[in-house]
Amino acid sequence: MNDAVKGIYISIVDIIGIFIPGFVFIVGLFSLTHQCSPEFFNYFNEGSSNKYEWISEPLSLGIVFIFSYVLGFLLRLGSIRLLQNILHYQNGI
């Protein structure tokens, strides 16, 4: 496998395997928080004419991207360990 193909493969794994699960987790967390406590979102929306204006700023998008990647990486590490434990108990070892 040459270096260009290897780089594309690593990029696809990074996006599909790490970033997307982290982003979905953050979206779910914000959705659950909004359902449970609307006051949480009122903190971000005070004095703003647009309801989600704070998320459209480049700094906010960068922070969401970084948190998504970090959470996705941690979820991936945890899921590998969890799958190893499940296989360990299924095989009776």
N, C-alpha and C. Protein backbone atom coordinates (compact mmCIF):
# COMPACT_ATOMS: atom_id res chain seq x y z
N MET A 1 0.86 -1.17 0.00
CA MET A 1 0.00 0.00 0.00
C MET A 1 0.91 1.24 0.00
N ASN A 2 0.70 2.12 -0.95
CA ASN A 2 1.55 3.31 -0.98
C ASN A 2 1.07 4.35 0.03
N ASP A 3 1.88 5.38 0.21
CA ASP A 3 1.62 6.36 1.27
C ASP A 3 0.34 7.16 1.05
N ALA A 4 0.01 7.46 -0.20
CA ALA A 4 -1.20 8.25 -0.47
C ALA A 4 -2.46 7.47 -0.08
N VAL A 5 -2.50 6.21 -0.43
CA VAL A 5 -3.66 5.38 -0.10
C VAL A 5 -3.74 5.18 1.41
N LYS A 6 -2.59 5.00 2.04
CA LYS A 6 -2.57 4.82 3.49
C LYS A 6 -3.09 6.08 4.19
N GLY A 7 -2.72 7.26 3.69
CA GLY A 7 -3.19 8.51 4.27
C GLY A 7 -4.69 8.69 4.10
N ILE A 8 -5.22 8.30 2.94
CA ILE A 8 -6.67 8.38 2.71
C ILE A 8 -7.40 7.42 3.63
N TYR A 9 -6.86 6.20 3.80
CA TYR A 9 -7.48 5.21 4.67
C TYR A 9 -7.51 5.71 6.11
N ILE A 10 -6.43 6.30 6.58
CA ILE A 10 -6.38 6.82 7.95
C ILE A 10 -7.36 7.98 8.11
N SER A 11 -7.49 8.83 7.10
CA SER A 11 -8.44 9.94 7.18
C SER A 11 -9.87 9.44 7.25
N ILE A 12 -10.20 8.42 6.47
CA ILE A 12 -11.56 7.87 6.50
C ILE A 12 -11.84 7.26 7.87
N VAL A 13 -10.88 6.53 8.42
CA VAL A 13 -11.05 5.93 9.75
C VAL A 13 -11.22 7.02 10.80
N ASP A 14 -10.44 8.09 10.69
CA ASP A 14 -10.57 9.20 11.64
C ASP A 14 -11.95 9.82 11.59
N ILE A 15 -12.46 10.05 10.39
CA ILE A 15 -13.75 10.73 10.27
C ILE A 15 -14.89 9.80 10.66
N ILE A 16 -14.93 8.60 10.09
CA ILE A 16 -16.06 7.70 10.35
C ILE A 16 -15.97 7.05 11.72
N GLY A 17 -14.77 6.69 12.14
CA GLY A 17 -14.63 5.94 13.38
C GLY A 17 -14.46 6.77 14.62
N ILE A 18 -14.03 8.01 14.48
CA ILE A 18 -13.75 8.82 15.67
C ILE A 18 -14.61 10.07 15.72
N PHE A 19 -14.60 10.88 14.66
CA PHE A 19 -15.28 12.18 14.70
C PHE A 19 -16.80 12.03 14.74
N ILE A 20 -17.36 11.20 13.87
CA ILE A 20 -18.82 11.10 13.78
C ILE A 20 -19.44 10.56 15.07
N PRO A 21 -18.90 9.47 15.68
CA PRO A 21 -19.49 9.04 16.96
C PRO A 21 -19.41 10.11 18.06
N GLY A 22 -18.31 10.85 18.10
CA GLY A 22 -18.19 11.92 19.08
C GLY A 22 -19.18 13.04 18.82
N PHE A 23 -19.37 13.40 17.56
CA PHE A 23 -20.31 14.45 17.21
C PHE A 23 -21.74 14.03 17.54
N VAL A 24 -22.08 12.78 17.22
CA VAL A 24 -23.42 12.27 17.53
C VAL A 24 -23.64 12.24 19.03
N PHE A 25 -22.61 11.88 19.79
CA PHE A 25 -22.72 11.87 21.25
C PHE A 25 -22.97 13.28 21.78
N ILE A 26 -22.25 14.27 21.26
CA ILE A 26 -22.44 15.66 21.71
C ILE A 26 -23.84 16.15 21.34
N VAL A 27 -24.29 15.86 20.13
CA VAL A 27 -25.64 16.28 19.72
C VAL A 27 -26.69 15.63 20.61
N GLY A 28 -26.52 14.34 20.90
CA GLY A 28 -27.45 13.66 21.79
C GLY A 28 -27.42 14.23 23.20
N LEU A 29 -26.23 14.56 23.67
CA LEU A 29 -26.10 15.13 25.00
C LEU A 29 -26.78 16.49 25.08
N PHE A 30 -26.59 17.34 24.06
CA PHE A 30 -27.25 18.64 24.03
C PHE A 30 -28.76 18.48 23.89
N SER A 31 -29.21 17.51 23.10
CA SER A 31 -30.65 17.29 22.94
C SER A 31 -31.27 16.83 24.24
N LEU A 32 -30.60 15.91 24.92
CA LEU A 32 -31.11 15.42 26.20
C LEU A 32 -31.13 16.53 27.23
N THR A 33 -30.08 17.34 27.26
CA THR A 33 -30.02 18.45 28.20
C THR A 33 -31.11 19.46 27.90
N HIS A 34 -31.38 19.72 26.63
CA HIS A 34 -32.42 20.67 26.26
C HIS A 34 -33.80 20.14 26.66
N GLN A 35 -34.02 18.85 26.54
CA GLN A 35 -35.30 18.27 26.93
C GLN A 35 -35.47 18.29 28.44
N CYS A 36 -34.38 18.02 29.17
CA CYS A 36 -34.47 17.94 30.63
C CYS A 36 -34.44 19.32 31.29
N SER A 37 -33.64 20.22 30.73
CA SER A 37 -33.46 21.52 31.37
C SER A 37 -33.37 22.62 30.31
N PRO A 38 -34.48 23.23 29.93
CA PRO A 38 -34.43 24.31 28.95
C PRO A 38 -33.64 25.53 29.43
N GLU A 39 -33.45 25.66 30.75
CA GLU A 39 -32.68 26.79 31.27
C GLU A 39 -31.22 26.74 30.80
N PHE A 40 -30.73 25.54 30.50
CA PHE A 40 -29.36 25.40 30.01
C PHE A 40 -29.17 26.18 28.71
N PHE A 41 -30.13 26.07 27.79
CA PHE A 41 -30.02 26.78 26.54
C PHE A 41 -30.34 28.26 26.69
N ASN A 42 -31.13 28.63 27.68
CA ASN A 42 -31.40 30.05 27.91
C ASN A 42 -30.13 30.79 28.30
N TYR A 43 -29.18 30.09 28.91
CA TYR A 43 -27.90 30.70 29.27
C TYR A 43 -27.17 31.19 28.02
N PHE A 44 -27.22 30.41 26.94
CA PHE A 44 -26.54 30.78 25.71
C PHE A 44 -27.33 31.78 24.88
N ASN A 45 -28.62 31.83 25.06
CA ASN A 45 -29.48 32.64 24.20
C ASN A 45 -29.84 34.00 24.77
N GLU A 46 -29.42 34.33 25.98
CA GLU A 46 -29.78 35.61 26.57
C GLU A 46 -29.16 36.75 25.77
N GLY A 47 -29.97 37.72 25.41
CA GLY A 47 -29.49 38.89 24.69
C GLY A 47 -29.18 38.64 23.24
N SER A 48 -29.55 37.51 22.72
CA SER A 48 -29.25 37.17 21.34
C SER A 48 -30.53 37.25 20.51
N SER A 49 -30.42 37.85 19.33
CA SER A 49 -31.59 37.92 18.47
C SER A 49 -31.83 36.60 17.75
N ASN A 50 -30.76 35.88 17.49
CA ASN A 50 -30.86 34.58 16.84
C ASN A 50 -30.70 33.50 17.90
N LYS A 51 -31.57 32.50 17.87
CA LYS A 51 -31.59 31.50 18.93
C LYS A 51 -30.27 30.73 19.05
N TYR A 52 -29.67 30.36 17.92
CA TYR A 52 -28.43 29.58 17.95
C TYR A 52 -27.28 30.35 17.31
N GLU A 53 -27.24 31.63 17.53
CA GLU A 53 -26.20 32.47 16.94
C GLU A 53 -24.81 32.12 17.47
N TRP A 54 -24.73 31.70 18.73
CA TRP A 54 -23.44 31.40 19.35
C TRP A 54 -22.75 30.21 18.68
N ILE A 55 -23.50 29.28 18.09
CA ILE A 55 -22.89 28.10 17.49
C ILE A 55 -22.33 28.39 16.11
N SER A 56 -22.73 29.51 15.49
CA SER A 56 -22.28 29.80 14.13
C SER A 56 -20.93 30.51 14.10
N GLU A 57 -20.39 30.87 15.23
CA GLU A 57 -19.09 31.52 15.26
C GLU A 57 -17.99 30.50 14.99
N PRO A 58 -16.92 30.88 14.29
CA PRO A 58 -15.85 29.93 13.99
C PRO A 58 -15.20 29.33 15.23
N LEU A 59 -15.04 30.10 16.28
CA LEU A 59 -14.44 29.57 17.50
C LEU A 59 -15.32 28.49 18.11
N SER A 60 -16.63 28.72 18.13
CA SER A 60 -17.55 27.72 18.66
C SER A 60 -17.52 26.44 17.83
N LEU A 61 -17.47 26.59 16.51
CA LEU A 61 -17.41 25.41 15.65
C LEU A 61 -16.11 24.65 15.86
N GLY A 62 -15.01 25.36 16.06
CA GLY A 62 -13.74 24.70 16.34
C GLY A 62 -13.76 23.95 17.65
N ILE A 63 -14.37 24.55 18.65
CA ILE A 63 -14.47 23.88 19.96
C ILE A 63 -15.34 22.63 19.85
N VAL A 64 -16.45 22.72 19.13
CA VAL A 64 -17.31 21.55 18.94
C VAL A 64 -16.56 20.46 18.18
N PHE A 65 -15.78 20.83 17.17
CA PHE A 65 -14.99 19.86 16.40
C PHE A 65 -13.97 19.17 17.30
N ILE A 66 -13.26 19.92 18.13
CA ILE A 66 -12.25 19.34 19.01
C ILE A 66 -12.90 18.42 20.04
N PHE A 67 -13.98 18.86 20.67
CA PHE A 67 -14.67 18.01 21.64
C PHE A 67 -15.23 16.75 20.99
N SER A 68 -15.73 16.88 19.76
CA SER A 68 -16.25 15.70 19.06
C SER A 68 -15.15 14.69 18.82
N TYR A 69 -14.00 15.16 18.39
CA TYR A 69 -12.89 14.26 18.10
C TYR A 69 -12.40 13.59 19.38
N VAL A 70 -12.25 14.35 20.46
CA VAL A 70 -11.77 13.79 21.73
C VAL A 70 -12.77 12.79 22.29
N LEU A 71 -14.05 13.14 22.31
CA LEU A 71 -15.06 12.22 22.82
C LEU A 71 -15.17 10.97 21.96
N GLY A 72 -15.07 11.13 20.65
CA GLY A 72 -15.09 9.97 19.76
C GLY A 72 -13.92 9.05 20.01
N PHE A 73 -12.75 9.63 20.25
CA PHE A 73 -11.56 8.83 20.54
C PHE A 73 -11.73 8.07 21.85
N LEU A 74 -12.26 8.75 22.87
CA LEU A 74 -12.48 8.08 24.16
C LEU A 74 -13.55 7.00 24.05
N LEU A 75 -14.60 7.26 23.29
CA LEU A 75 -15.62 6.23 23.07
C LEU A 75 -15.04 5.02 22.35
N ARG A 76 -14.16 5.28 21.40
CA ARG A 76 -13.53 4.17 20.67
C ARG A 76 -12.64 3.35 21.59
N LEU A 77 -11.86 4.01 22.42
CA LEU A 77 -11.02 3.28 23.37
C LEU A 77 -11.86 2.45 24.33
N GLY A 78 -12.92 3.04 24.84
CA GLY A 78 -13.80 2.31 25.76
C GLY A 78 -14.51 1.15 25.10
N SER A 79 -14.93 1.33 23.85
CA SER A 79 -15.65 0.25 23.18
C SER A 79 -14.74 -0.92 22.87
N ILE A 80 -13.48 -0.66 22.55
CA ILE A 80 -12.53 -1.75 22.31
C ILE A 80 -12.35 -2.56 23.58
N ARG A 81 -12.17 -1.91 24.69
CA ARG A 81 -12.01 -2.60 25.98
C ARG A 81 -13.28 -3.37 26.33
N LEU A 82 -14.44 -2.78 26.08
CA LEU A 82 -15.71 -3.45 26.37
C LEU A 82 -15.90 -4.69 25.51
N LEU A 83 -15.58 -4.58 24.22
CA LEU A 83 -15.69 -5.75 23.33
C LEU A 83 -14.74 -6.86 23.74
N GLN A 84 -13.53 -6.51 24.18
CA GLN A 84 -12.60 -7.53 24.66
C GLN A 84 -13.15 -8.24 25.89
N ASN A 85 -13.76 -7.51 26.80
CA ASN A 85 -14.36 -8.13 27.98
C ASN A 85 -15.53 -9.03 27.62
N ILE A 86 -16.35 -8.61 26.68
CA ILE A 86 -17.48 -9.43 26.25
C ILE A 86 -16.99 -10.73 25.63
N LEU A 87 -16.00 -10.63 24.75
CA LEU A 87 -15.46 -11.84 24.13
C LEU A 87 -14.80 -12.74 25.16
N HIS A 88 -14.16 -12.16 26.13
CA HIS A 88 -13.50 -12.93 27.19
C HIS A 88 -14.53 -13.75 27.96
N TYR A 89 -15.66 -13.14 28.32
CA TYR A 89 -16.69 -13.85 29.07
C TYR A 89 -17.48 -14.83 28.21
N GLN A 90 -17.65 -14.54 26.92
CA GLN A 90 -18.37 -15.46 26.04
C GLN A 90 -17.58 -16.74 25.81
N ASN A 91 -16.26 -16.61 25.73
CA ASN A 91 -15.42 -17.79 25.50
C ASN A 91 -15.17 -18.56 26.79
N GLY A 92 -15.56 -18.02 27.92
CA GLY A 92 -15.40 -18.72 29.18
C GLY A 92 -13.96 -18.81 29.65
N ILE A 93 -13.16 -17.86 29.23
CA ILE A 93 -11.74 -17.87 29.63
C ILE A 93 -11.58 -17.19 30.95
